[in-house]
Amino acid sequence: MKSTTLMEVAQRAGVSTATVARVLKSNGYVSNETKDRVEAAIKATGYRPNAVARGLRQQRSFTIGHMLTAITVNPFFVNVAHWAEEEALEHGYKTFLFNHNGEADRERRGIERFIERRVDAVLFTNAIAGENIALLTEAGIPALQLERIRAVGVPSIRVDNRVGALQAMRHLVELGHRRIAFVGGDHKLIHRGESPYPSVEQERLGAYHEGLAAAGIAADPDYQRLGLYYSIAEGGSGIEGYRHTMALLDLPNRPTAIFATCDILAAGALQAIYERGLRVPNDISVVGFDDTLAVNLTPQLTTVAQPMEELGRAGFRTALAAIEGGTCPEVAPLPSRLVLRRSTAIATHTN
């Protein structure tokens, strides 16, 4: 016989799983009317006391939840999850992964599973809906946002995208490139929620313009291509980078270098350049971002490395501090950095 879940109790009572958790733990305010409905739903569904004990945070479960966007489409998420898990294992914890695949409803279902499994904290890489994160707050479970910030007031660990992107621009300028194209994410398409900080996309595009200005190069809108990094529905292929690069190569004065702010975009750029019979880096230099696919591409890609290991490890350590002390300590933004490989060279066409 199938056992009743916390979510089924919540649905029958017409409340959130977090409210059910508060009633069962006698933790936090719940009106008498709501409490009666929840208790009636527990009795009607046969939700057993031993299941309640397993599903609530009355004691530590030594498990943390990790909500990810989609590990099958972008190795960035795999890497952060891996290093968070490694750090967790070193502290006697295990991780429970859930991919929301860009769907807010799926994210909510995942959070409800976390609550049912009485996880001690939840990491988000990355979150979608602030109201979903609020469910954890209501249930007394610490939440921590990694890399991107979706909800103001929820602790986070950010990455300084600007520092690595500026290094990439200086590198290309020092190689003599003047026609440098930018292929990256569109803030309006990707950014979610409100934040006191610039978005990832704003930081990277801002560094591109800052790098051009520092070199005395006028920004050319024709060299700026913005859109999505990839499509989850299309399996995370490099088609977006391919399309952008084909358009750039059709310009009367094609760029001598492309700064693609995702290795997946850069992979698509390499495909387009190859199809046009051009060589990297002899005819055109390419720089990526993330350092995920970079060493497996041909040529091996010069890229801005995200601090994925540090992000995962610091994420778990910060969550653990919140579990033990009640609050998340503040962590300074982690720096990105340029990694030089074989996809960049001295510009041969500078006019």
Protein backbone atom coordinates (compact mmCIF):
# COMPACT_ATOMS: atom_id res chain seq x y z
CA MET A 1 0.00 0.00 0.00
CA LYS A 2 1.37 3.40 -1.01
CA SER A 3 2.29 5.57 1.98
CA THR A 4 0.93 9.10 2.23
CA THR A 5 3.33 11.96 1.56
CA LEU A 6 3.63 15.32 3.24
CA MET A 7 2.49 16.99 0.00
CA GLU A 8 -0.71 14.93 -0.06
CA VAL A 9 -1.49 16.03 3.49
CA ALA A 10 -0.88 19.66 2.46
CA GLN A 11 -3.13 19.36 -0.60
CA ARG A 12 -5.96 17.85 1.43
CA ALA A 13 -5.69 20.59 4.07
CA GLY A 14 -5.36 23.33 1.44
CA VAL A 15 -2.07 24.61 2.80
CA SER A 16 1.63 24.50 1.90
CA THR A 17 3.95 21.69 2.94
CA ALA A 18 5.81 24.26 5.03
CA THR A 19 2.62 24.92 7.03
CA VAL A 20 2.15 21.19 7.60
CA ALA A 21 5.76 21.04 8.81
CA ARG A 22 5.16 23.90 11.27
CA VAL A 23 2.11 22.14 12.69
CA LEU A 24 3.91 18.83 13.08
CA LYS A 25 6.95 20.45 14.69
CA SER A 26 4.90 22.93 16.77
CA ASN A 27 7.32 25.52 15.42
CA GLY A 28 6.02 28.94 14.30
CA TYR A 29 2.57 30.51 14.29
CA VAL A 30 -0.34 28.66 12.70
CA SER A 31 -3.94 29.69 13.33
CA ASN A 32 -6.15 27.28 15.26
CA GLU A 33 -8.41 26.85 12.24
CA THR A 34 -5.47 25.92 9.99
CA LYS A 35 -4.02 23.64 12.64
CA ASP A 36 -7.34 21.80 12.90
CA ARG A 37 -7.47 21.33 9.11
CA VAL A 38 -3.94 19.98 9.00
CA GLU A 39 -4.54 17.57 11.88
CA ALA A 40 -7.77 16.39 10.24
CA ALA A 41 -5.89 15.82 6.96
CA ILE A 42 -3.22 13.81 8.77
CA LYS A 43 -5.89 11.62 10.35
CA ALA A 44 -7.87 11.23 7.11
CA THR A 45 -4.84 10.31 5.00
CA GLY A 46 -3.31 8.01 7.58
CA TYR A 47 -0.04 9.90 7.66
CA ARG A 48 1.81 7.83 10.26
CA PRO A 49 3.77 9.34 13.20
CA ASN A 50 6.92 7.43 12.26
CA ALA A 51 6.76 8.95 8.76
CA VAL A 52 6.39 12.35 10.37
CA ALA A 53 9.51 11.74 12.43
CA ARG A 54 11.45 10.86 9.30
CA GLY A 55 10.13 13.86 7.33
CA LEU A 56 10.72 16.68 9.78
CA ARG A 57 13.79 18.55 10.95
CA GLN A 58 13.44 17.62 14.60
CA GLN A 59 16.99 16.29 14.39
CA ARG A 60 19.70 16.62 11.78
CA SER A 61 19.37 14.35 8.77
CA PHE A 62 22.95 15.08 7.68
CA THR A 63 21.56 15.68 4.19
CA ILE A 64 21.44 18.88 2.16
CA GLY A 65 19.31 19.47 -0.89
CA HIS A 66 20.86 20.92 -4.04
CA MET A 67 18.46 22.46 -6.55
CA LEU A 68 20.09 22.64 -10.00
CA THR A 69 18.96 24.07 -13.31
CA ALA A 70 19.83 21.06 -15.49
CA ILE A 71 23.01 18.99 -15.16
CA THR A 72 22.53 17.33 -18.56
CA VAL A 73 22.84 20.54 -20.59
CA ASN A 74 25.61 22.53 -18.91
CA PRO A 75 28.69 21.01 -17.22
CA PHE A 76 28.87 24.07 -14.96
CA PHE A 77 26.05 22.64 -12.84
CA VAL A 78 27.65 19.20 -12.72
CA ASN A 79 30.93 20.66 -11.48
CA VAL A 80 29.39 22.82 -8.75
CA ALA A 81 27.26 19.88 -7.59
CA HIS A 82 30.28 17.56 -7.57
CA TRP A 83 32.40 19.82 -5.39
CA ALA A 84 29.53 20.56 -3.01
CA GLU A 85 29.07 16.81 -2.64
CA GLU A 86 32.79 16.26 -2.04
CA GLU A 87 32.83 18.88 0.71
CA ALA A 88 29.65 17.42 2.20
CA LEU A 89 31.16 13.92 2.32
CA GLU A 90 34.19 15.27 4.15
CA HIS A 91 31.83 16.57 6.85
CA GLY A 92 29.76 13.40 7.09
CA TYR A 93 26.88 14.72 4.96
CA LYS A 94 25.24 13.52 1.76
CA THR A 95 23.54 15.56 -0.94
CA PHE A 96 20.13 15.15 -2.55
CA LEU A 97 20.05 16.59 -6.09
CA PHE A 98 16.99 17.84 -7.96
CA ASN A 99 16.90 19.45 -11.43
CA HIS A 100 14.13 21.97 -12.06
CA ASN A 101 14.86 22.19 -15.83
CA GLY A 102 13.83 25.83 -15.91
CA GLU A 103 10.30 25.14 -14.62
CA ALA A 104 9.02 26.94 -11.52
CA ASP A 105 6.39 24.28 -10.80
CA ARG A 106 9.01 21.56 -10.95
CA GLU A 107 11.25 23.61 -8.64
CA ARG A 108 8.40 23.82 -6.12
CA ARG A 109 7.87 20.06 -6.25
CA GLY A 110 11.56 19.55 -5.63
CA ILE A 111 11.50 21.84 -2.60
CA GLU A 112 8.53 19.93 -1.22
CA ARG A 113 10.57 16.73 -1.59
CA PHE A 114 13.42 18.37 0.29
CA ILE A 115 11.07 19.29 3.13
CA GLU A 116 9.67 15.75 3.23
CA ARG A 117 13.16 14.32 3.45
CA ARG A 118 14.01 16.73 6.30
CA VAL A 119 17.14 18.11 4.60
CA ASP A 120 19.15 20.38 6.88
CA ALA A 121 19.72 23.10 4.21
CA VAL A 122 19.26 23.71 0.47
CA LEU A 123 21.68 25.09 -2.11
CA PHE A 124 20.35 26.68 -5.32
CA THR A 125 22.36 26.65 -8.55
CA ASN A 126 20.25 28.41 -9.74
CA ALA A 127 16.85 29.34 -8.32
CA ILE A 128 13.82 30.35 -10.40
CA ALA A 129 11.04 31.57 -8.11
CA GLY A 130 11.44 33.54 -4.91
CA GLU A 131 8.12 32.22 -3.59
CA ASN A 132 9.52 28.70 -3.83
CA ILE A 133 12.56 29.63 -1.76
CA ALA A 134 10.18 31.15 0.78
CA LEU A 135 8.74 27.68 1.44
CA LEU A 136 12.08 26.71 2.97
CA THR A 137 12.15 29.82 5.13
CA GLU A 138 8.67 28.99 6.40
CA ALA A 139 9.81 25.46 7.23
CA GLY A 140 12.90 26.73 9.08
CA ILE A 141 15.36 25.29 6.54
CA PRO A 142 18.36 27.49 5.56
CA ALA A 143 18.64 28.32 1.84
CA LEU A 144 21.69 29.59 -0.04
CA GLN A 145 21.88 30.91 -3.62
CA LEU A 146 25.03 30.13 -5.62
CA GLU A 147 26.29 32.26 -8.55
CA ARG A 148 22.97 33.90 -9.47
CA ILE A 149 20.65 35.77 -7.11
CA ARG A 150 16.92 35.29 -7.53
CA ALA A 151 15.56 36.37 -4.14
CA VAL A 152 16.63 39.47 -2.24
CA GLY A 153 17.26 38.79 1.43
CA VAL A 154 18.23 35.14 0.89
CA PRO A 155 21.96 34.52 1.51
CA SER A 156 24.14 34.02 -1.56
CA ILE A 157 27.65 33.42 -2.83
CA ARG A 158 28.38 35.36 -6.01
CA VAL A 159 31.07 35.15 -8.67
CA ASP A 160 32.98 38.24 -9.82
CA ASN A 161 32.51 37.87 -13.58
CA ARG A 162 34.01 41.28 -14.31
CA VAL A 163 37.57 40.46 -13.26
CA GLY A 164 37.94 37.46 -15.57
CA ALA A 165 36.12 39.12 -18.47
CA LEU A 166 38.46 42.14 -18.25
CA GLN A 167 41.45 39.78 -18.31
CA ALA A 168 40.06 38.23 -21.49
CA MET A 169 39.60 41.61 -23.15
CA ARG A 170 43.10 42.78 -22.19
CA HIS A 171 44.53 39.55 -23.57
CA LEU A 172 42.84 40.04 -26.96
CA VAL A 173 43.84 43.70 -27.14
CA GLU A 174 47.46 42.85 -26.31
CA LEU A 175 47.41 40.37 -29.22
CA GLY A 176 46.53 43.27 -31.52
CA HIS A 177 42.82 42.61 -31.98
CA ARG A 178 40.68 45.66 -32.67
CA ARG A 179 37.57 44.03 -34.13
CA ILE A 180 36.44 42.03 -31.11
CA ALA A 181 32.94 40.58 -31.14
CA PHE A 182 30.87 39.71 -28.10
CA VAL A 183 28.55 36.69 -28.06
CA GLY A 184 26.68 36.38 -24.78
CA GLY A 185 23.49 36.18 -22.80
CA ASP A 186 20.76 38.77 -23.02
CA HIS A 187 19.96 40.17 -19.58
CA LYS A 188 16.34 40.71 -20.55
CA LEU A 189 15.89 37.06 -21.58
CA ILE A 190 17.80 35.40 -18.76
CA HIS A 191 17.69 37.57 -15.63
CA ARG A 192 15.08 36.63 -13.07
CA GLY A 193 14.01 38.55 -10.01
CA GLU A 194 15.37 41.64 -8.35
CA SER A 195 18.87 41.99 -6.97
CA PRO A 196 21.06 44.76 -5.58
CA TYR A 197 23.86 43.43 -7.80
CA PRO A 198 24.34 43.45 -11.59
CA SER A 199 23.30 40.22 -13.28
CA VAL A 200 25.87 37.78 -14.64
CA GLU A 201 25.03 39.04 -18.14
CA GLN A 202 25.41 42.70 -17.18
CA GLU A 203 28.80 42.05 -15.57
CA ARG A 204 30.19 40.25 -18.63
CA LEU A 205 28.84 42.73 -21.18
CA GLY A 206 29.95 45.65 -19.02
CA ALA A 207 33.50 44.27 -18.87
CA TYR A 208 33.50 43.90 -22.67
CA HIS A 209 32.65 47.57 -23.12
CA GLU A 210 35.08 48.57 -20.37
CA GLY A 211 37.85 46.62 -22.09
CA LEU A 212 37.13 48.26 -25.45
CA ALA A 213 37.07 51.73 -23.91
CA ALA A 214 40.38 51.15 -22.08
CA ALA A 215 41.99 50.29 -25.42
CA GLY A 216 40.45 53.26 -27.21
CA ILE A 217 38.27 51.03 -29.39
CA ALA A 218 34.81 52.28 -30.31
CA ALA A 219 32.06 49.78 -29.62
CA ASP A 220 30.38 48.54 -32.81
CA PRO A 221 26.81 47.28 -32.26
CA ASP A 222 27.24 44.90 -35.22
CA TYR A 223 29.85 43.02 -33.19
CA GLN A 224 27.52 42.53 -30.23
CA ARG A 225 25.30 39.44 -30.35
CA LEU A 226 22.97 38.71 -27.42
CA GLY A 227 20.49 35.90 -26.80
CA LEU A 228 20.19 32.65 -24.89
CA TYR A 229 23.22 30.56 -23.99
CA TYR A 230 21.49 27.36 -25.03
CA SER A 231 18.10 25.69 -25.05
CA ILE A 232 17.33 23.03 -22.44
CA ALA A 233 14.76 21.59 -24.88
CA GLU A 234 17.49 21.22 -27.52
CA GLY A 235 19.79 19.44 -25.07
CA GLY A 236 22.19 22.31 -24.52
CA SER A 237 23.74 22.26 -27.99
CA GLY A 238 25.96 25.05 -29.28
CA ILE A 239 23.43 26.11 -31.93
CA GLU A 240 23.03 29.62 -30.45
CA GLY A 241 26.76 30.30 -30.71
CA TYR A 242 26.79 28.81 -34.20
CA ARG A 243 24.02 31.14 -35.42
CA HIS A 244 25.58 34.23 -33.87
CA THR A 245 28.98 33.44 -35.35
CA MET A 246 27.60 32.82 -38.83
CA ALA A 247 26.03 36.30 -38.69
CA LEU A 248 29.34 37.82 -37.54
CA LEU A 249 31.26 36.09 -40.33
CA ASP A 250 28.83 37.58 -42.87
CA LEU A 251 29.79 41.14 -41.89
CA PRO A 252 31.83 43.15 -44.45
CA ASN A 253 34.62 43.45 -41.88
CA ARG A 254 34.33 40.26 -39.90
CA PRO A 255 35.79 40.27 -36.38
CA THR A 256 39.30 39.01 -35.78
CA ALA A 257 38.32 37.74 -32.34
CA ILE A 258 35.17 36.52 -30.59
CA PHE A 259 34.58 36.66 -26.86
CA ALA A 260 31.83 34.08 -26.23
CA THR A 261 30.66 34.23 -22.61
CA CYS A 262 29.88 30.52 -22.25
CA ASP A 263 31.92 27.53 -23.43
CA ILE A 264 28.77 26.14 -25.08
CA LEU A 265 28.47 29.33 -27.15
CA ALA A 266 32.18 29.10 -27.95
CA ALA A 267 31.77 25.49 -29.13
CA GLY A 268 29.10 26.65 -31.57
CA ALA A 269 31.39 29.46 -32.71
CA LEU A 270 34.16 26.98 -33.48
CA GLN A 271 31.76 24.89 -35.56
CA ALA A 272 30.68 27.91 -37.62
CA ILE A 273 34.27 29.05 -38.18
CA TYR A 274 35.28 25.54 -39.29
CA GLU A 275 32.35 25.36 -41.74
CA ARG A 276 33.47 28.64 -43.33
CA GLY A 277 36.91 27.19 -43.97
CA LEU A 278 38.63 29.47 -41.46
CA ARG A 279 41.16 28.45 -38.83
CA VAL A 280 41.31 29.13 -35.11
CA PRO A 281 43.43 30.97 -34.03
CA ASN A 282 45.23 31.75 -37.32
CA ASP A 283 42.25 33.54 -38.92
CA ILE A 284 40.16 34.31 -35.87
CA SER A 285 40.70 34.00 -32.11
CA VAL A 286 38.04 32.67 -29.76
CA VAL A 287 37.71 33.06 -25.99
CA GLY A 288 35.07 31.21 -23.96
CA PHE A 289 33.72 31.44 -20.44
CA ASP A 290 33.23 28.83 -17.66
CA ASP A 291 36.12 26.40 -18.37
CA THR A 292 33.80 23.42 -18.69
CA LEU A 293 34.13 22.15 -22.29
CA ALA A 294 37.32 24.09 -23.00
CA VAL A 295 39.95 21.34 -22.78
CA ASN A 296 37.84 18.97 -24.92
CA LEU A 297 37.45 21.34 -27.88
CA THR A 298 39.74 21.69 -30.89
CA PRO A 299 41.79 23.75 -30.50
CA GLN A 300 41.73 23.72 -26.72
CA LEU A 301 39.92 26.86 -25.71
CA THR A 302 41.28 29.95 -24.01
CA THR A 303 38.51 30.70 -21.52
CA VAL A 304 37.52 32.54 -18.37
CA ALA A 305 37.34 29.92 -15.62
CA GLN A 306 34.48 29.99 -13.17
CA PRO A 307 35.50 29.05 -9.60
CA MET A 308 33.29 25.96 -9.67
CA GLU A 309 35.19 23.98 -7.03
CA GLU A 310 35.34 26.95 -4.67
CA LEU A 311 31.65 27.71 -5.30
CA GLY A 312 30.56 24.17 -4.46
CA ARG A 313 32.80 23.78 -1.43
CA ALA A 314 32.10 27.25 -0.03
CA GLY A 315 28.40 26.68 -0.65
CA PHE A 316 28.32 23.61 1.55
CA ARG A 317 30.53 25.15 4.26
CA THR A 318 28.30 28.23 4.41
CA ALA A 319 25.17 26.11 4.57
CA LEU A 320 26.73 24.05 7.36
CA ALA A 321 27.50 27.23 9.29
CA ALA A 322 23.83 28.19 8.99
CA ILE A 323 22.74 24.75 10.19
CA GLU A 324 24.98 24.99 13.24
CA GLY A 325 24.66 28.69 13.98
CA GLY A 326 21.31 29.71 12.55
CA THR A 327 22.60 32.25 10.02
CA CYS A 328 24.72 32.15 6.86
CA PRO A 329 28.02 34.01 7.16
CA GLU A 330 28.77 36.51 4.39
CA VAL A 331 31.20 35.29 1.71
CA ALA A 332 33.09 37.68 -0.57
CA PRO A 333 32.48 37.23 -4.33
CA LEU A 334 34.69 34.51 -5.77
CA PRO A 335 36.95 35.68 -8.62
CA SER A 336 36.88 34.34 -12.17
CA ARG A 337 40.20 34.12 -14.05
CA LEU A 338 41.51 33.78 -17.59
CA VAL A 339 43.07 30.45 -18.60
CA LEU A 340 45.27 30.62 -21.71
CA ARG A 341 45.22 27.74 -24.19
CA ARG A 342 45.43 27.45 -27.99
CA SER A 343 42.44 29.31 -29.40
CA THR A 344 43.95 32.81 -29.32
CA ALA A 345 46.86 34.29 -31.28
CA ILE A 346 48.24 37.56 -32.64
CA ALA A 347 45.80 39.29 -34.95
CA THR A 348 46.80 39.01 -38.60
CA HIS A 349 44.13 41.37 -39.99
CA THR A 350 43.92 44.59 -37.99
CA ASN A 351 42.61 47.11 -40.53
